[in-house]
N, C-alpha and C. Protein backbone atom coordinates (compact mmCIF):
# COMPACT_ATOMS: atom_id res chain seq x y z
N MET A 1 -1.56 -13.59 20.80
CA MET A 1 -0.40 -13.66 19.95
C MET A 1 0.80 -12.72 20.52
N SER A 2 2.32 -13.03 20.43
CA SER A 2 3.43 -11.68 20.97
C SER A 2 3.90 -11.66 19.43
N TYR A 3 4.13 -10.28 19.54
CA TYR A 3 4.74 -9.60 18.64
C TYR A 3 5.70 -8.86 18.94
N LYS A 4 6.72 -9.03 17.91
CA LYS A 4 8.08 -8.36 17.87
C LYS A 4 7.66 -6.74 17.95
N PRO A 5 8.63 -6.12 18.59
CA PRO A 5 8.51 -4.78 18.41
C PRO A 5 8.58 -4.28 16.88
N LEU A 6 7.85 -3.21 16.56
CA LEU A 6 7.85 -2.91 15.32
C LEU A 6 8.71 -1.47 14.72
N ALA A 7 9.49 -1.79 13.89
CA ALA A 7 10.07 -0.03 13.29
C ALA A 7 9.39 0.22 11.67
N ILE A 8 8.73 1.38 11.87
CA ILE A 8 7.89 1.82 10.77
C ILE A 8 8.98 3.03 10.09
N ILE A 9 9.01 2.29 8.77
CA ILE A 9 10.03 3.05 8.22
C ILE A 9 8.82 4.50 7.40
N GLY A 10 9.34 5.84 7.99
CA GLY A 10 8.63 6.79 7.58
C GLY A 10 7.54 7.19 8.52
N ALA A 11 7.74 8.22 9.11
CA ALA A 11 6.93 8.95 10.04
C ALA A 11 5.96 9.88 9.53
N SER A 12 5.43 10.22 8.48
CA SER A 12 4.63 11.15 7.94
C SER A 12 3.02 10.88 8.56
N GLY A 13 2.25 11.56 7.86
CA GLY A 13 0.81 10.84 8.40
C GLY A 13 0.51 9.54 7.78
N HIS A 14 0.70 9.27 6.68
CA HIS A 14 0.52 7.74 6.40
C HIS A 14 1.41 7.10 7.47
N GLY A 15 2.39 7.16 8.17
CA GLY A 15 3.30 6.27 8.73
C GLY A 15 2.41 6.21 10.40
N ARG A 16 2.01 7.44 10.34
CA ARG A 16 1.01 7.53 11.65
C ARG A 16 0.07 6.62 11.64
N VAL A 17 -0.79 6.53 10.60
CA VAL A 17 -1.97 6.01 10.37
C VAL A 17 -1.65 4.60 10.50
N VAL A 18 -0.45 4.23 9.76
CA VAL A 18 0.29 2.75 9.94
C VAL A 18 0.54 2.12 11.25
N ALA A 19 0.61 3.02 12.42
CA ALA A 19 1.27 2.93 13.33
C ALA A 19 -0.23 2.54 14.39
N ASP A 20 -1.53 3.26 13.88
CA ASP A 20 -2.53 3.16 14.43
C ASP A 20 -3.20 1.55 14.14
N VAL A 21 -3.03 0.99 12.93
CA VAL A 21 -3.45 0.28 12.69
C VAL A 21 -2.62 -1.14 13.35
N ALA A 22 -1.14 -0.86 13.32
CA ALA A 22 -0.22 -1.64 14.25
C ALA A 22 -0.51 -1.87 15.76
N LYS A 23 -0.87 -0.94 16.30
CA LYS A 23 -1.59 -0.67 17.53
C LYS A 23 -2.67 -1.68 18.04
N LEU A 24 -3.81 -1.36 17.15
CA LEU A 24 -4.62 -2.13 17.00
C LEU A 24 -4.87 -3.65 16.94
N VAL A 25 -3.76 -4.21 16.16
CA VAL A 25 -3.71 -5.79 16.21
C VAL A 25 -2.46 -6.43 16.81
N GLY A 26 -2.36 -5.44 17.95
CA GLY A 26 -1.27 -5.71 19.27
C GLY A 26 0.12 -5.85 19.18
N TYR A 27 0.70 -4.86 18.56
CA TYR A 27 2.08 -4.17 18.75
C TYR A 27 2.31 -3.20 19.89
N LYS A 28 2.94 -3.61 20.77
CA LYS A 28 3.17 -2.90 22.07
C LYS A 28 4.42 -1.74 21.89
N GLU A 29 5.24 -2.23 21.07
CA GLU A 29 6.46 -1.21 20.86
C GLU A 29 6.81 -1.04 19.67
N ILE A 30 6.72 0.06 19.11
CA ILE A 30 6.76 0.83 17.70
C ILE A 30 7.43 2.11 17.80
N VAL A 31 8.62 2.24 16.52
CA VAL A 31 9.38 2.98 16.62
C VAL A 31 9.21 3.67 14.93
N PHE A 32 9.74 4.89 14.85
CA PHE A 32 9.82 5.27 13.62
C PHE A 32 11.42 5.31 13.23
N LEU A 33 11.79 5.19 11.96
CA LEU A 33 12.77 5.65 11.36
C LEU A 33 12.48 6.47 9.87
N ASP A 34 13.11 7.78 9.92
CA ASP A 34 12.79 8.54 8.86
C ASP A 34 13.86 9.48 8.61
N ASP A 35 14.07 9.91 7.34
CA ASP A 35 15.08 10.77 6.99
C ASP A 35 15.21 12.44 6.72
N ALA A 36 13.78 12.62 7.36
CA ALA A 36 13.74 14.03 7.94
C ALA A 36 14.00 14.07 9.34
N ASP A 37 13.64 15.48 9.62
CA ASP A 37 14.51 15.79 11.05
C ASP A 37 14.26 14.52 12.36
N VAL A 38 15.11 14.41 12.58
CA VAL A 38 14.77 13.06 13.81
C VAL A 38 13.98 14.35 15.09
N VAL A 39 12.85 13.63 15.43
CA VAL A 39 12.05 14.24 16.36
C VAL A 39 12.10 13.06 17.43
N PRO A 40 12.86 12.90 18.41
CA PRO A 40 12.69 11.53 19.39
C PRO A 40 11.25 11.88 20.18
N GLU A 41 10.44 12.85 20.15
CA GLU A 41 8.95 12.68 20.97
C GLU A 41 8.00 12.37 19.96
N ALA A 42 8.52 12.13 19.02
CA ALA A 42 7.47 11.45 18.27
C ALA A 42 7.79 10.28 17.71
N GLY A 43 8.80 9.55 18.47
CA GLY A 43 8.99 8.10 18.23
C GLY A 43 10.24 7.90 17.27
N VAL A 44 10.71 9.05 16.46
CA VAL A 44 11.66 8.67 15.13
C VAL A 44 13.29 8.52 16.18
N VAL A 45 13.66 7.59 15.88
CA VAL A 45 14.81 6.87 16.47
C VAL A 45 16.00 6.89 15.77
N GLY A 46 15.78 7.30 14.26
CA GLY A 46 17.13 7.43 13.54
C GLY A 46 16.66 7.28 12.27
N LYS A 47 17.48 7.56 11.15
CA LYS A 47 17.37 7.34 9.61
C LYS A 47 17.35 6.25 9.29
N VAL A 48 16.50 5.92 7.96
CA VAL A 48 15.90 4.90 7.39
C VAL A 48 17.19 3.94 7.12
N SER A 49 18.31 4.61 7.18
CA SER A 49 19.80 3.66 6.89
C SER A 49 20.01 2.96 8.25
N ASP A 50 19.53 3.27 9.29
CA ASP A 50 19.85 2.92 10.66
C ASP A 50 18.99 1.43 10.80
N PHE A 51 17.93 1.02 9.95
CA PHE A 51 17.32 0.07 9.94
C PHE A 51 18.24 -1.30 10.34
N VAL A 52 19.63 -0.95 10.00
CA VAL A 52 20.76 -2.43 10.10
C VAL A 52 20.54 -2.84 11.58
N ASP A 53 20.69 -1.58 12.42
CA ASP A 53 20.98 -1.75 13.55
C ASP A 53 19.59 -2.17 14.57
N TYR A 54 18.60 -2.68 13.46
CA TYR A 54 17.46 -2.96 14.53
C TYR A 54 16.85 -4.34 14.03
N LYS A 55 17.31 -4.69 12.84
CA LYS A 55 16.86 -5.51 12.07
C LYS A 55 16.99 -7.16 12.66
N ASP A 56 17.88 -7.34 13.54
CA ASP A 56 17.96 -8.46 14.40
C ASP A 56 16.53 -8.90 15.33
N GLU A 57 16.37 -7.52 15.72
CA GLU A 57 15.16 -7.49 17.18
C GLU A 57 13.28 -7.22 16.86
N TYR A 58 13.65 -6.72 15.49
CA TYR A 58 12.45 -5.66 15.21
C TYR A 58 12.02 -6.55 13.63
N ALA A 59 10.53 -6.15 13.83
CA ALA A 59 9.77 -6.63 12.26
C ALA A 59 9.64 -5.11 11.86
N PHE A 60 9.49 -5.12 10.46
CA PHE A 60 9.61 -3.91 10.02
C PHE A 60 8.36 -3.86 9.00
N PHE A 61 7.95 -2.62 8.53
CA PHE A 61 6.65 -1.88 7.66
C PHE A 61 7.33 -0.47 7.16
N VAL A 62 7.28 -0.60 5.67
CA VAL A 62 7.56 0.59 5.06
C VAL A 62 6.15 1.32 4.63
N ALA A 63 6.12 2.64 5.50
CA ALA A 63 5.32 3.19 5.13
C ALA A 63 5.38 4.49 4.84
N ILE A 64 5.67 4.37 3.41
CA ILE A 64 6.06 5.63 2.18
C ILE A 64 4.93 5.30 1.31
N GLY A 65 4.32 6.49 0.94
CA GLY A 65 3.18 6.49 -0.02
C GLY A 65 3.57 6.70 -1.50
N ASN A 66 4.91 7.08 -1.66
CA ASN A 66 5.60 6.98 -2.85
C ASN A 66 5.83 5.55 -3.52
N ASN A 67 5.03 5.23 -4.49
CA ASN A 67 5.39 3.85 -4.80
C ASN A 67 6.45 3.34 -5.40
N GLY A 68 7.45 4.40 -5.97
CA GLY A 68 8.47 3.82 -6.01
C GLY A 68 9.35 4.06 -5.26
N VAL A 69 9.48 4.56 -4.19
CA VAL A 69 10.40 5.12 -2.87
C VAL A 69 10.11 3.48 -2.11
N ARG A 70 8.72 3.47 -2.06
CA ARG A 70 8.33 2.53 -1.19
C ARG A 70 9.25 0.99 -1.44
N GLU A 71 9.00 0.78 -2.98
CA GLU A 71 9.87 -0.34 -3.75
C GLU A 71 11.09 -0.30 -3.11
N ARG A 72 11.89 0.77 -3.37
CA ARG A 72 13.27 0.88 -3.34
C ARG A 72 13.82 0.36 -1.99
N VAL A 73 12.77 1.12 -1.00
CA VAL A 73 13.43 0.71 0.89
C VAL A 73 13.11 -0.72 0.96
N PHE A 74 11.98 -1.19 0.39
CA PHE A 74 11.50 -2.52 0.84
C PHE A 74 12.49 -3.69 0.29
N LYS A 75 13.08 -3.39 -0.74
CA LYS A 75 13.91 -3.96 -1.20
C LYS A 75 15.33 -4.09 -0.69
N GLN A 76 15.35 -2.89 -0.13
CA GLN A 76 16.84 -2.69 0.60
C GLN A 76 16.61 -3.28 1.98
N LEU A 77 15.57 -3.35 2.50
CA LEU A 77 15.28 -4.27 3.88
C LEU A 77 15.53 -5.60 3.65
N GLN A 78 14.77 -6.18 2.48
CA GLN A 78 14.80 -7.50 2.08
C GLN A 78 16.06 -8.15 1.70
N SER A 79 16.51 -7.05 1.22
CA SER A 79 18.06 -7.76 0.96
C SER A 79 19.16 -7.91 1.87
N LYS A 80 18.64 -7.24 3.12
CA LYS A 80 19.54 -7.48 4.70
C LYS A 80 18.81 -8.51 5.19
N GLY A 81 17.50 -9.34 4.94
CA GLY A 81 17.16 -10.27 5.35
C GLY A 81 16.37 -9.62 6.86
N ALA A 82 15.61 -8.64 6.74
CA ALA A 82 15.01 -7.89 7.82
C ALA A 82 13.29 -8.87 7.57
N GLU A 83 12.63 -9.03 8.50
CA GLU A 83 11.26 -9.38 8.46
C GLU A 83 10.26 -8.09 8.25
N ILE A 84 9.30 -8.28 7.15
CA ILE A 84 8.82 -7.34 6.44
C ILE A 84 7.17 -7.73 6.86
N VAL A 85 6.32 -7.30 7.45
CA VAL A 85 5.00 -7.76 8.15
C VAL A 85 4.25 -7.09 7.39
N SER A 86 2.61 -7.62 7.27
CA SER A 86 1.45 -6.94 6.60
C SER A 86 0.78 -6.51 7.88
N LEU A 87 -0.29 -5.49 7.52
CA LEU A 87 -1.03 -4.86 8.75
C LEU A 87 -2.40 -4.72 8.22
N ILE A 88 -3.34 -5.35 9.03
CA ILE A 88 -4.99 -5.56 8.19
C ILE A 88 -5.82 -5.04 9.58
N HIS A 89 -6.40 -3.55 8.93
CA HIS A 89 -7.37 -2.92 10.43
C HIS A 89 -8.21 -3.92 10.53
N PRO A 90 -8.68 -3.94 11.87
CA PRO A 90 -9.68 -5.07 12.48
C PRO A 90 -11.15 -4.78 11.98
N SER A 91 -11.34 -3.60 11.64
CA SER A 91 -12.51 -3.48 10.86
C SER A 91 -12.48 -3.62 9.39
N ALA A 92 -11.44 -3.75 8.83
CA ALA A 92 -11.68 -4.47 7.38
C ALA A 92 -11.97 -5.57 7.04
N TYR A 93 -12.46 -6.19 5.91
CA TYR A 93 -13.00 -7.39 5.53
C TYR A 93 -11.94 -7.91 4.60
N VAL A 94 -11.19 -9.02 5.08
CA VAL A 94 -10.55 -9.75 3.86
C VAL A 94 -11.13 -11.27 3.98
N SER A 95 -11.52 -11.19 2.66
CA SER A 95 -12.01 -12.86 2.35
C SER A 95 -10.82 -13.68 3.09
N ASP A 96 -10.99 -15.38 3.34
CA ASP A 96 -10.39 -16.20 3.89
C ASP A 96 -9.15 -16.56 2.50
N SER A 97 -9.90 -16.54 1.32
CA SER A 97 -9.04 -16.99 0.06
C SER A 97 -8.25 -15.89 -0.43
N VAL A 98 -8.06 -14.62 0.06
CA VAL A 98 -7.40 -13.87 -0.55
C VAL A 98 -5.60 -13.81 0.10
N ARG A 99 -5.08 -13.86 -0.95
CA ARG A 99 -3.47 -13.92 -1.06
C ARG A 99 -3.08 -12.57 -0.58
N ILE A 100 -2.43 -12.60 0.61
CA ILE A 100 -1.72 -11.09 0.54
C ILE A 100 -0.20 -11.15 0.72
N GLY A 101 0.51 -10.73 -0.05
CA GLY A 101 2.04 -10.65 0.08
C GLY A 101 2.53 -9.82 1.43
N LYS A 102 3.94 -9.47 1.51
CA LYS A 102 4.44 -9.09 2.28
C LYS A 102 4.56 -7.44 2.32
N GLY A 103 4.35 -6.67 3.81
CA GLY A 103 4.45 -5.35 3.66
C GLY A 103 3.07 -4.43 2.94
N VAL A 104 2.27 -5.45 3.35
CA VAL A 104 0.73 -4.75 2.67
C VAL A 104 0.14 -4.19 3.71
N VAL A 105 -0.57 -2.99 3.85
CA VAL A 105 -1.40 -2.67 4.76
C VAL A 105 -3.31 -2.57 4.16
N VAL A 106 -3.72 -2.78 4.79
CA VAL A 106 -5.50 -2.85 4.55
C VAL A 106 -5.75 -1.70 5.45
N MET A 107 -6.49 -0.33 5.31
CA MET A 107 -6.92 0.28 6.39
C MET A 107 -8.39 -0.20 6.61
N ALA A 108 -8.63 0.91 7.74
CA ALA A 108 -10.26 0.83 8.38
C ALA A 108 -10.99 0.72 7.06
N CYS A 109 -11.93 -0.25 7.46
CA CYS A 109 -13.20 -0.01 6.52
C CYS A 109 -12.92 -0.69 5.12
N ALA A 110 -11.85 -1.04 5.04
CA ALA A 110 -11.45 -1.50 2.97
C ALA A 110 -12.02 -3.27 3.24
N ALA A 111 -12.36 -3.39 1.93
CA ALA A 111 -12.83 -4.80 1.62
C ALA A 111 -12.38 -5.35 0.62
N ILE A 112 -11.88 -6.59 0.61
CA ILE A 112 -11.29 -7.40 -0.35
C ILE A 112 -11.96 -8.71 -0.27
N ASN A 113 -12.72 -9.20 -1.47
CA ASN A 113 -12.82 -10.34 -1.79
C ASN A 113 -12.31 -11.29 -2.09
N CYS A 114 -13.16 -12.46 -2.18
CA CYS A 114 -12.87 -13.84 -2.55
C CYS A 114 -12.02 -13.83 -3.76
N GLY A 115 -10.58 -14.77 -3.75
CA GLY A 115 -10.11 -14.78 -4.73
C GLY A 115 -9.36 -13.87 -5.48
N ALA A 116 -9.03 -12.51 -4.58
CA ALA A 116 -8.17 -11.68 -4.94
C ALA A 116 -6.66 -11.91 -4.36
N VAL A 117 -5.69 -11.37 -5.49
CA VAL A 117 -4.44 -11.36 -4.90
C VAL A 117 -4.04 -9.88 -4.88
N ILE A 118 -3.21 -10.09 -3.50
CA ILE A 118 -2.32 -8.50 -2.97
C ILE A 118 -1.08 -8.47 -3.07
N SER A 119 -0.39 -7.87 -4.04
CA SER A 119 1.12 -8.41 -3.97
C SER A 119 1.86 -7.55 -2.94
N ASP A 120 3.21 -7.77 -2.73
CA ASP A 120 4.18 -7.22 -1.69
C ASP A 120 4.01 -5.37 -1.95
N GLY A 121 3.94 -5.06 -0.97
CA GLY A 121 3.88 -3.31 -0.50
C GLY A 121 2.65 -2.81 -1.05
N VAL A 122 1.40 -3.43 -1.31
CA VAL A 122 0.57 -2.65 -1.93
C VAL A 122 0.02 -1.66 -0.64
N ILE A 123 -0.84 -0.81 -0.65
CA ILE A 123 -1.70 0.17 0.34
C ILE A 123 -3.02 -0.13 -0.44
N VAL A 124 -4.06 -0.62 0.32
CA VAL A 124 -5.36 -0.72 0.37
C VAL A 124 -5.98 0.14 1.21
N ASN A 125 -6.32 1.32 1.15
CA ASN A 125 -6.53 2.62 1.84
C ASN A 125 -8.16 2.37 2.29
N THR A 126 -8.27 3.50 3.13
CA THR A 126 -9.52 3.47 3.95
C THR A 126 -10.62 3.62 2.91
N SER A 127 -11.67 2.58 3.30
CA SER A 127 -12.94 2.20 2.42
C SER A 127 -12.90 2.03 1.28
N SER A 128 -11.65 1.41 0.84
CA SER A 128 -11.36 1.14 -0.39
C SER A 128 -11.96 -0.23 -0.83
N SER A 129 -12.48 -0.73 -1.90
CA SER A 129 -12.85 -2.31 -2.34
C SER A 129 -11.93 -2.73 -3.43
N VAL A 130 -11.67 -4.04 -3.15
CA VAL A 130 -11.05 -4.77 -4.10
C VAL A 130 -11.88 -6.22 -4.43
N ASP A 131 -12.57 -6.35 -5.44
CA ASP A 131 -13.57 -7.33 -5.42
C ASP A 131 -12.95 -8.62 -5.58
N HIS A 132 -13.95 -9.47 -6.03
CA HIS A 132 -13.36 -10.96 -6.46
C HIS A 132 -12.20 -11.25 -7.41
N ASP A 133 -11.66 -12.02 -7.40
CA ASP A 133 -10.41 -12.49 -8.51
C ASP A 133 -9.75 -11.22 -9.19
N CYS A 134 -9.30 -10.30 -8.39
CA CYS A 134 -8.71 -9.38 -8.76
C CYS A 134 -7.37 -9.62 -8.35
N SER A 135 -6.42 -8.91 -9.17
CA SER A 135 -4.92 -9.01 -8.58
C SER A 135 -4.30 -7.51 -8.87
N ILE A 136 -3.51 -6.93 -7.76
CA ILE A 136 -3.33 -5.94 -7.59
C ILE A 136 -1.73 -5.98 -7.44
N GLY A 137 -1.22 -5.36 -8.46
CA GLY A 137 0.35 -5.82 -8.43
C GLY A 137 1.56 -4.93 -7.22
N ALA A 138 2.65 -5.57 -7.08
CA ALA A 138 3.52 -4.76 -6.21
C ALA A 138 3.73 -3.54 -6.10
N PHE A 139 3.69 -2.82 -5.07
CA PHE A 139 3.81 -1.60 -4.78
C PHE A 139 3.00 -0.43 -5.53
N SER A 140 1.92 -1.31 -5.55
CA SER A 140 0.61 -0.22 -6.11
C SER A 140 -0.37 0.16 -4.84
N HIS A 141 -1.18 1.57 -5.12
CA HIS A 141 -1.87 1.92 -4.08
C HIS A 141 -3.55 2.02 -4.27
N VAL A 142 -4.28 1.59 -3.79
CA VAL A 142 -5.64 1.95 -3.83
C VAL A 142 -5.93 2.77 -2.96
N SER A 143 -6.57 4.06 -3.48
CA SER A 143 -6.68 5.23 -2.43
C SER A 143 -7.79 5.21 -1.70
N VAL A 144 -7.66 6.03 -0.93
CA VAL A 144 -9.07 6.51 -0.20
C VAL A 144 -10.33 6.23 -1.13
N GLY A 145 -11.23 5.39 -0.61
CA GLY A 145 -12.83 5.35 -1.52
C GLY A 145 -12.64 4.97 -2.88
N ALA A 146 -11.40 4.42 -3.26
CA ALA A 146 -11.46 3.54 -4.84
C ALA A 146 -12.15 2.42 -4.68
N HIS A 147 -12.62 2.31 -5.83
CA HIS A 147 -13.66 0.93 -5.61
C HIS A 147 -13.19 0.34 -7.03
N ILE A 148 -12.49 -1.10 -7.33
CA ILE A 148 -12.08 -1.82 -7.95
C ILE A 148 -13.13 -3.24 -7.99
N ALA A 149 -13.79 -3.48 -9.28
CA ALA A 149 -14.92 -4.38 -9.47
C ALA A 149 -14.28 -5.73 -9.73
N GLY A 150 -14.76 -6.58 -9.81
CA GLY A 150 -14.47 -8.08 -10.20
C GLY A 150 -13.33 -8.23 -11.35
N THR A 151 -12.63 -9.44 -11.23
CA THR A 151 -11.58 -9.68 -12.09
C THR A 151 -10.74 -8.89 -12.76
N VAL A 152 -10.33 -7.81 -11.88
CA VAL A 152 -9.58 -6.55 -12.54
C VAL A 152 -7.95 -7.22 -12.45
N ALA A 153 -7.24 -6.54 -13.29
CA ALA A 153 -5.64 -7.14 -13.17
C ALA A 153 -4.87 -5.39 -13.09
N VAL A 154 -4.32 -5.31 -11.82
CA VAL A 154 -3.72 -3.93 -11.97
C VAL A 154 -2.38 -3.97 -11.72
N GLY A 155 -1.65 -3.68 -12.61
CA GLY A 155 -0.02 -3.42 -12.82
C GLY A 155 0.69 -3.13 -11.47
N THR A 156 1.78 -3.34 -11.63
CA THR A 156 2.99 -3.08 -10.45
C THR A 156 3.11 -1.10 -10.22
N GLY A 157 3.37 -0.62 -9.28
CA GLY A 157 3.45 0.68 -9.33
C GLY A 157 2.84 1.60 -9.36
N THR A 158 1.14 0.75 -9.23
CA THR A 158 -0.02 1.91 -10.50
C THR A 158 -0.38 2.38 -9.10
N PHE A 159 -1.08 3.41 -9.11
CA PHE A 159 -1.81 4.53 -8.08
C PHE A 159 -3.26 4.60 -8.45
N ILE A 160 -4.19 4.21 -7.84
CA ILE A 160 -5.45 4.48 -8.21
C ILE A 160 -6.14 5.67 -7.33
N GLY A 161 -6.42 6.36 -7.67
CA GLY A 161 -6.68 7.90 -7.06
C GLY A 161 -7.86 7.48 -6.18
N ALA A 162 -8.22 8.74 -5.14
CA ALA A 162 -9.11 8.75 -4.24
C ALA A 162 -10.73 8.80 -4.93
N GLY A 163 -11.93 7.82 -4.63
CA GLY A 163 -12.90 7.93 -5.02
C GLY A 163 -12.91 7.50 -6.73
N ALA A 164 -11.90 7.02 -7.16
CA ALA A 164 -11.81 6.24 -8.71
C ALA A 164 -12.74 4.86 -8.60
N THR A 165 -13.12 4.47 -9.82
CA THR A 165 -13.85 3.59 -9.95
C THR A 165 -12.86 2.62 -11.32
N VAL A 166 -12.97 1.38 -10.97
CA VAL A 166 -12.26 0.62 -12.07
C VAL A 166 -13.40 -0.69 -12.23
N ILE A 167 -14.28 -0.79 -13.55
CA ILE A 167 -15.17 -1.43 -13.79
C ILE A 167 -14.66 -3.21 -14.13
N ASN A 168 -15.29 -3.95 -14.14
CA ASN A 168 -14.98 -5.15 -13.70
C ASN A 168 -14.36 -5.71 -15.19
N ASN A 169 -13.62 -6.84 -15.15
CA ASN A 169 -12.89 -7.44 -16.51
C ASN A 169 -12.04 -6.74 -17.43
N VAL A 170 -11.26 -5.82 -16.75
CA VAL A 170 -10.52 -5.09 -17.16
C VAL A 170 -9.07 -5.33 -16.83
N SER A 171 -7.98 -4.61 -17.44
CA SER A 171 -6.77 -4.62 -16.78
C SER A 171 -5.89 -3.09 -17.11
N ILE A 172 -5.08 -3.15 -15.99
CA ILE A 172 -4.57 -1.82 -16.06
C ILE A 172 -2.79 -2.05 -15.78
N CYS A 173 -1.91 -1.42 -16.81
CA CYS A 173 -0.89 -1.85 -16.90
C CYS A 173 -0.24 -1.03 -15.72
N ASP A 174 1.27 -1.34 -16.04
CA ASP A 174 2.27 -0.97 -14.81
C ASP A 174 2.26 0.46 -14.73
N ASN A 175 2.82 0.99 -13.62
CA ASN A 175 3.23 2.42 -13.48
C ASN A 175 2.14 3.28 -14.06
N CYS A 176 0.74 3.20 -13.72
CA CYS A 176 -0.48 4.33 -14.16
C CYS A 176 -0.68 5.02 -12.86
N THR A 177 -1.38 5.89 -13.32
CA THR A 177 -1.87 6.95 -12.32
C THR A 177 -3.38 7.13 -12.53
N ILE A 178 -4.07 6.54 -11.93
CA ILE A 178 -5.87 6.88 -12.44
C ILE A 178 -5.88 8.30 -11.15
N GLY A 179 -6.78 9.02 -11.86
CA GLY A 179 -6.51 10.55 -11.23
C GLY A 179 -8.20 10.17 -10.36
N ALA A 180 -8.37 11.11 -9.22
CA ALA A 180 -9.26 11.22 -8.38
C ALA A 180 -10.57 11.07 -8.87
N GLY A 181 -11.44 10.33 -8.74
CA GLY A 181 -12.89 10.05 -9.06
C GLY A 181 -12.94 9.55 -10.51
N ALA A 182 -11.88 9.12 -10.97
CA ALA A 182 -11.94 8.68 -12.73
C ALA A 182 -12.61 7.26 -12.76
N VAL A 183 -13.27 7.47 -14.21
CA VAL A 183 -14.09 6.13 -14.27
C VAL A 183 -13.32 4.96 -15.09
N VAL A 184 -12.61 4.13 -15.17
CA VAL A 184 -12.29 3.34 -15.76
C VAL A 184 -12.63 2.11 -16.28
N ILE A 185 -13.37 2.37 -17.77
CA ILE A 185 -14.06 1.62 -18.24
C ILE A 185 -13.70 0.52 -19.51
N LYS A 186 -12.28 0.73 -19.55
CA LYS A 186 -11.59 -0.20 -20.54
C LYS A 186 -10.33 -0.59 -20.18
N SER A 187 -9.72 -1.50 -20.47
CA SER A 187 -8.42 -1.92 -20.27
C SER A 187 -7.32 -0.70 -20.63
N ILE A 188 -6.46 -0.46 -19.75
CA ILE A 188 -5.24 0.54 -19.88
C ILE A 188 -3.88 -0.18 -20.35
N GLU A 189 -3.14 0.11 -21.64
CA GLU A 189 -2.25 -0.80 -21.69
C GLU A 189 -0.82 0.28 -22.18
N SER A 190 -1.08 1.40 -21.84
CA SER A 190 0.14 2.38 -21.90
C SER A 190 0.20 3.19 -20.81
N SER A 191 1.32 3.04 -20.01
CA SER A 191 1.56 3.83 -18.63
C SER A 191 1.19 5.51 -18.82
N GLY A 192 1.07 6.02 -17.79
CA GLY A 192 0.34 7.47 -17.82
C GLY A 192 -0.56 7.70 -16.56
N THR A 193 -0.81 9.12 -17.04
CA THR A 193 -1.84 9.50 -16.25
C THR A 193 -3.20 9.42 -16.91
N TYR A 194 -4.45 9.26 -16.26
CA TYR A 194 -5.60 8.81 -16.69
C TYR A 194 -6.63 9.50 -15.73
N VAL A 195 -7.61 10.52 -16.44
CA VAL A 195 -8.50 11.44 -15.70
C VAL A 195 -9.32 11.32 -16.42
N GLY A 196 -10.75 11.82 -15.41
CA GLY A 196 -11.92 11.79 -16.04
C GLY A 196 -13.05 10.63 -16.39
N VAL A 197 -14.07 11.12 -16.74
CA VAL A 197 -15.29 10.14 -16.58
C VAL A 197 -15.49 10.11 -18.14
N PRO A 198 -15.73 9.02 -18.79
CA PRO A 198 -14.45 8.11 -18.71
C PRO A 198 -13.20 8.36 -18.59
N ALA A 199 -12.48 7.50 -17.99
CA ALA A 199 -10.68 8.18 -17.99
C ALA A 199 -10.34 7.77 -19.28
N GLU A 200 -9.26 9.09 -19.32
CA GLU A 200 -8.96 9.08 -20.56
C GLU A 200 -7.14 9.31 -20.32
N LYS A 201 -6.14 9.31 -21.01
CA LYS A 201 -5.09 9.75 -21.01
C LYS A 201 -4.55 11.14 -21.07
N VAL A 202 -3.84 11.49 -20.06
CA VAL A 202 -3.52 12.91 -20.02
C VAL A 202 -2.18 12.75 -21.14
N GLU A 203 -2.09 13.73 -22.14
CA GLU A 203 -1.14 13.56 -23.16
C GLU A 203 -0.05 14.65 -23.06
N LYS A 204 0.93 14.29 -22.75
CA LYS A 204 2.16 15.39 -22.15
C LYS A 204 2.16 16.67 -23.19
N LYS A 205 2.14 17.77 -22.89
CA LYS A 205 2.45 18.99 -23.69
C LYS A 205 3.86 19.26 -24.21
N ASP A 206 4.50 19.79 -25.39
CA ASP A 206 5.65 19.70 -25.84
C ASP A 206 6.17 21.09 -25.26
């Protein structure tokens, strides 16, 4: 299979891991666009706004960890007709019946089981799992070593922290943060930050 050159938006650690995945699946030419200091030696060829100069010849991936910023940049690319690709590490297991949107990355040793739906811009990070018939909303992040049991619905823009566990048959609303190591044992219907075992909402102090 022949691949276009790939432009990765974001040259941080996450972006470099994404580049490693891209190389493994067959991309030969990879450049970065980043609004931090431009470092040609690191493959950074311009700012994020420079994507318009590349959009006709390059495919794109938005490698920005912040869910909201990732969504904003993704939609900028989309509005200009840029081709946005998804990347799946060769060591990941993804069932043939899984539906995956645009701009998704599935990292090393992750597993996504049958019937799951992974929406645009989602990160399924290293050694995490999404079990059967789950839905992961757009621009959410299933962090390193997090595990989501069967038939769970995760809303848009939600972050599931490292090592967190979500039991089966629950839902998590949009724009939530589930802390590292938390265990979600019931549905979450109010946006906010949830930590602990079982996970409880962190109330803001006055």
